[in-house]
Amino acid sequence: MRYTLFFGLTALLVGCSGPLPETASTSVGGTAGMGGMGGAVGTGGAGAGGDGGNGGAFAGIGGSAGSGGNGGSAYDCPSPSFVEFEGDGAPKQLGAACFGTWGDIFTDVANGHTDYVLGQGNPLRLLLHGCRESTPQGSPRLTLAAALFSEGMVTTGGALYRPEGGDTTYSTATNLELTLTKYGPLGDTIEGTFTTVVTRDGNNDETLTLTGKLSVCHVPGAPPG
């Protein structure tokens, strides 16, 4: 089955420090295309080409994964696993894996893992995902990305948010502050708090400030592609 990763962040193209990844033996299928944010998640085969989106702030992955369904619960993850936040209407708690992302291979709950920014010297980063449900239409969905990470660290990075309905996308390549309060081993949790200001793609005057916390299942990282 062919998997590609959900998106790349051009702001995270610096060399990274932090824990070395524990990667899965499963290989990444294909190579990343360039230009714009990854397209909407497909429902079989490779995803569609990327949307233009935010002036190329998410240049990296040209299309998101199109898996036939989520990978199930290969890991006995802590419960609950969640990403919760305020800043877009009523408070939201996202407890499911995001369909078509790397973590979706291993678990059906909100998760975090390492991966590499393909085509840019492969620096390591941390991705944290939460969706309302593990389906192609599983919005709202939020992904946070940080290039520097270790327990106790306050770090910066990017974010991608798809509100209820999935018709619009908000993103930032740089405007995330993430405090990691726990970086547990595989099968344990990654925990922290965050604030991000995301801009609606195609409308730089429309922003959302999302503030919240997370406790997600730590799953194996994606190997270099």
Protein backbone atom coordinates (compact mmCIF):
# COMPACT_ATOMS: atom_id res chain seq x y z
CA MET A 1 0.00 0.00 0.00
CA ARG A 2 1.32 3.36 -0.94
CA TYR A 3 1.65 6.06 1.72
CA THR A 4 2.95 9.58 1.47
CA LEU A 5 3.09 12.08 4.30
CA PHE A 6 0.48 14.78 4.82
CA PHE A 7 2.52 17.95 4.25
CA GLY A 8 5.93 19.69 4.41
CA LEU A 9 6.86 22.97 6.07
CA THR A 10 9.47 25.11 4.36
CA ALA A 11 10.04 26.97 7.60
CA LEU A 12 11.50 23.79 9.12
CA LEU A 13 14.41 23.42 6.73
CA VAL A 14 17.12 23.94 9.33
CA GLY A 15 19.16 21.15 10.89
CA CYS A 16 17.47 19.59 13.90
CA SER A 17 18.47 18.38 17.33
CA GLY A 18 16.57 16.26 19.81
CA PRO A 19 15.97 12.56 20.24
CA LEU A 20 16.91 10.25 17.42
CA PRO A 21 13.85 8.75 15.73
CA GLU A 22 12.78 5.15 16.23
CA THR A 23 11.58 4.40 12.73
CA ALA A 24 9.24 1.71 11.57
CA SER A 25 10.38 -1.05 9.27
CA THR A 26 7.58 -0.14 6.89
CA SER A 27 9.02 1.90 4.01
CA VAL A 28 7.59 5.12 2.68
CA GLY A 29 6.05 4.66 -0.74
CA GLY A 30 7.08 7.09 -3.44
CA THR A 31 8.76 10.45 -3.21
CA ALA A 32 7.36 13.83 -2.37
CA GLY A 33 6.24 16.26 -5.01
CA MET A 34 6.91 19.96 -4.58
CA GLY A 35 4.70 23.02 -4.45
CA GLY A 36 1.85 24.03 -2.17
CA MET A 37 0.18 22.21 0.65
CA GLY A 38 -0.61 18.54 0.16
CA GLY A 39 -3.95 17.99 -1.52
CA ALA A 40 -7.07 16.72 0.21
CA VAL A 41 -6.79 13.14 1.41
CA GLY A 42 -7.72 10.64 -1.26
CA THR A 43 -9.74 7.48 -0.80
CA GLY A 44 -7.59 4.99 -2.65
CA GLY A 45 -4.26 5.19 -4.41
CA ALA A 46 -2.18 8.33 -4.35
CA GLY A 47 -3.73 11.59 -3.25
CA ALA A 48 -4.46 14.44 -5.59
CA GLY A 49 -1.87 17.13 -6.30
CA GLY A 50 -1.34 19.88 -3.77
CA ASP A 51 -3.50 22.93 -3.40
CA GLY A 52 -1.67 26.20 -4.04
CA GLY A 53 -2.31 27.32 -0.50
CA ASN A 54 -0.66 30.05 1.53
CA GLY A 55 1.88 31.14 -1.05
CA GLY A 56 3.70 27.80 -0.98
CA ALA A 57 4.31 27.92 2.78
CA PHE A 58 3.73 24.19 2.85
CA ALA A 59 5.88 23.34 -0.16
CA GLY A 60 7.04 19.76 0.21
CA ILE A 61 4.49 17.02 -0.22
CA GLY A 62 2.60 17.31 -3.49
CA GLY A 63 -0.28 15.05 -2.50
CA SER A 64 -1.46 13.42 0.69
CA ALA A 65 -1.88 9.73 1.24
CA GLY A 66 -4.80 7.78 -0.15
CA SER A 67 -5.11 4.74 2.03
CA GLY A 68 -8.04 2.40 1.78
CA GLY A 69 -8.77 2.88 5.47
CA ASN A 70 -6.89 3.44 8.69
CA GLY A 71 -4.28 1.02 9.94
CA GLY A 72 -6.11 -0.03 13.08
CA SER A 73 -4.62 -0.29 16.56
CA ALA A 74 -1.17 -1.84 16.17
CA TYR A 75 -0.16 0.03 19.35
CA ASP A 76 -1.87 -0.25 22.71
CA CYS A 77 -1.97 3.53 23.09
CA PRO A 78 -2.87 5.38 26.29
CA SER A 79 -6.47 6.52 26.60
CA PRO A 80 -7.55 9.13 26.06
CA SER A 81 -5.20 10.41 23.35
CA PHE A 82 -6.23 13.87 22.21
CA VAL A 83 -5.45 17.31 20.85
CA GLU A 84 -7.78 19.91 22.37
CA PHE A 85 -7.93 23.64 21.78
CA GLU A 86 -9.98 26.83 21.73
CA GLY A 87 -10.07 29.65 19.21
CA ASP A 88 -12.56 28.57 16.55
CA GLY A 89 -16.05 28.55 18.04
CA ALA A 90 -16.73 25.97 20.73
CA PRO A 91 -13.73 24.19 22.33
CA LYS A 92 -12.65 21.15 20.35
CA GLN A 93 -11.17 17.80 21.35
CA LEU A 94 -9.75 15.70 18.53
CA GLY A 95 -9.08 12.12 19.57
CA ALA A 96 -8.71 10.17 16.33
CA ALA A 97 -5.81 9.51 13.99
CA CYS A 98 -5.89 11.54 10.78
CA PHE A 99 -6.73 9.41 7.76
CA GLY A 100 -3.84 9.06 5.32
CA THR A 101 -1.07 10.25 7.68
CA TRP A 102 1.89 8.11 8.73
CA GLY A 103 0.55 7.57 12.24
CA ASP A 104 -2.68 6.20 10.79
CA ILE A 105 -0.74 3.04 9.91
CA PHE A 106 -0.20 2.19 13.58
CA THR A 107 -3.18 3.47 15.56
CA ASP A 108 -6.66 4.92 15.29
CA VAL A 109 -6.10 7.57 17.99
CA ALA A 110 -4.43 11.01 17.96
CA ASN A 111 -0.68 10.49 17.64
CA GLY A 112 2.78 11.96 17.21
CA HIS A 113 5.91 10.78 15.39
CA THR A 114 9.13 11.93 13.80
CA ASP A 115 9.71 12.24 10.08
CA TYR A 116 12.00 13.99 7.64
CA VAL A 117 11.50 17.00 5.36
CA LEU A 118 12.04 15.37 1.99
CA GLY A 119 14.08 17.06 -0.70
CA GLN A 120 15.61 19.59 1.69
CA GLY A 121 18.52 17.67 3.18
CA ASN A 122 16.11 15.53 5.20
CA PRO A 123 16.15 17.39 8.54
CA LEU A 124 14.27 15.63 11.32
CA ARG A 125 11.01 17.07 12.69
CA LEU A 126 8.17 16.11 15.02
CA LEU A 127 4.58 15.89 13.73
CA LEU A 128 1.55 15.82 16.06
CA HIS A 129 -1.86 14.93 14.59
CA GLY A 130 -5.44 15.04 15.85
CA CYS A 131 -8.71 14.53 13.95
CA ARG A 132 -12.32 14.16 14.99
CA GLU A 133 -12.57 10.84 13.13
CA SER A 134 -10.28 8.65 11.03
CA THR A 135 -12.00 9.19 7.69
CA PRO A 136 -11.13 11.21 4.58
CA GLN A 137 -13.74 13.78 5.68
CA GLY A 138 -12.51 13.73 9.30
CA SER A 139 -12.51 17.47 9.96
CA PRO A 140 -11.78 19.33 12.08
CA ARG A 141 -8.15 18.24 11.96
CA LEU A 142 -5.00 19.85 13.34
CA THR A 143 -1.35 19.01 12.71
CA LEU A 144 1.56 20.70 14.50
CA ALA A 145 5.18 20.45 13.35
CA ALA A 146 8.38 21.30 15.23
CA ALA A 147 11.98 21.00 14.09
CA LEU A 148 13.59 21.18 17.54
CA PHE A 149 12.13 18.99 20.25
CA SER A 150 12.93 17.37 23.57
CA GLU A 151 11.11 17.05 26.86
CA GLY A 152 10.83 20.39 28.65
CA MET A 153 11.65 22.40 25.52
CA VAL A 154 9.70 25.43 24.33
CA THR A 155 10.00 25.34 20.57
CA THR A 156 8.51 26.93 17.44
CA GLY A 157 7.22 25.50 14.22
CA GLY A 158 4.23 25.35 11.91
CA ALA A 159 0.61 24.25 11.97
CA LEU A 160 -2.13 23.15 9.59
CA TYR A 161 -5.80 23.40 10.61
CA ARG A 162 -8.85 22.26 8.68
CA PRO A 163 -12.10 23.43 10.34
CA GLU A 164 -15.42 21.62 10.49
CA GLY A 165 -16.62 20.75 7.01
CA GLY A 166 -13.14 20.63 5.50
CA ASP A 167 -13.79 23.28 2.85
CA THR A 168 -11.11 25.70 4.03
CA THR A 169 -7.58 25.41 5.40
CA TYR A 170 -5.64 27.62 7.80
CA SER A 171 -1.89 27.35 8.11
CA THR A 172 1.35 28.86 9.29
CA ALA A 173 4.93 27.87 8.56
CA THR A 174 6.41 29.66 11.58
CA ASN A 175 3.80 30.94 14.05
CA LEU A 176 3.59 28.03 16.50
CA GLU A 177 4.85 27.98 20.08
CA LEU A 178 4.92 24.45 21.48
CA THR A 179 5.96 23.43 25.00
CA LEU A 180 6.72 19.71 25.30
CA THR A 181 6.06 18.60 28.87
CA LYS A 182 6.57 14.89 28.14
CA TYR A 183 8.29 12.94 25.37
CA GLY A 184 7.54 9.34 26.28
CA PRO A 185 8.84 6.19 24.56
CA LEU A 186 6.99 4.45 21.76
CA GLY A 187 3.52 3.43 22.89
CA ASP A 188 3.51 6.06 25.64
CA THR A 189 2.46 9.71 25.25
CA ILE A 190 3.85 12.94 23.87
CA GLU A 191 2.31 15.79 25.87
CA GLY A 192 2.42 19.57 25.81
CA THR A 193 0.71 22.91 25.35
CA PHE A 194 0.62 25.15 22.31
CA THR A 195 -0.47 28.44 20.78
CA THR A 196 -0.55 29.05 17.05
CA VAL A 197 -1.83 31.85 14.82
CA VAL A 198 -2.96 30.39 11.50
CA THR A 199 -3.98 32.27 8.35
CA ARG A 200 -6.74 31.21 5.99
CA ASP A 201 -5.23 30.10 2.70
CA GLY A 202 -5.98 32.67 0.04
CA ASN A 203 -6.99 35.37 2.55
CA ASN A 204 -4.12 36.79 4.59
CA ASP A 205 -6.50 39.07 6.51
CA GLU A 206 -8.35 36.16 8.15
CA THR A 207 -6.57 34.52 11.07
CA LEU A 208 -7.37 32.24 13.99
CA THR A 209 -5.47 31.99 17.28
CA LEU A 210 -5.65 28.41 18.54
CA THR A 211 -4.56 27.64 22.10
CA GLY A 212 -4.64 24.22 23.67
CA LYS A 213 -2.95 21.11 24.98
CA LEU A 214 -2.28 17.60 23.74
CA SER A 215 -1.56 14.10 24.95
CA VAL A 216 -1.02 11.87 21.93
CA CYS A 217 0.25 8.35 21.34
CA HIS A 218 3.94 8.12 20.37
CA VAL A 219 4.17 5.90 17.28
CA PRO A 220 7.21 4.90 15.20
CA GLY A 221 8.73 7.58 13.02
CA ALA A 222 8.79 7.55 9.26
CA PRO A 223 12.20 6.63 7.80
CA PRO A 224 13.98 8.97 5.38
CA GLY A 225 12.32 8.77 1.98
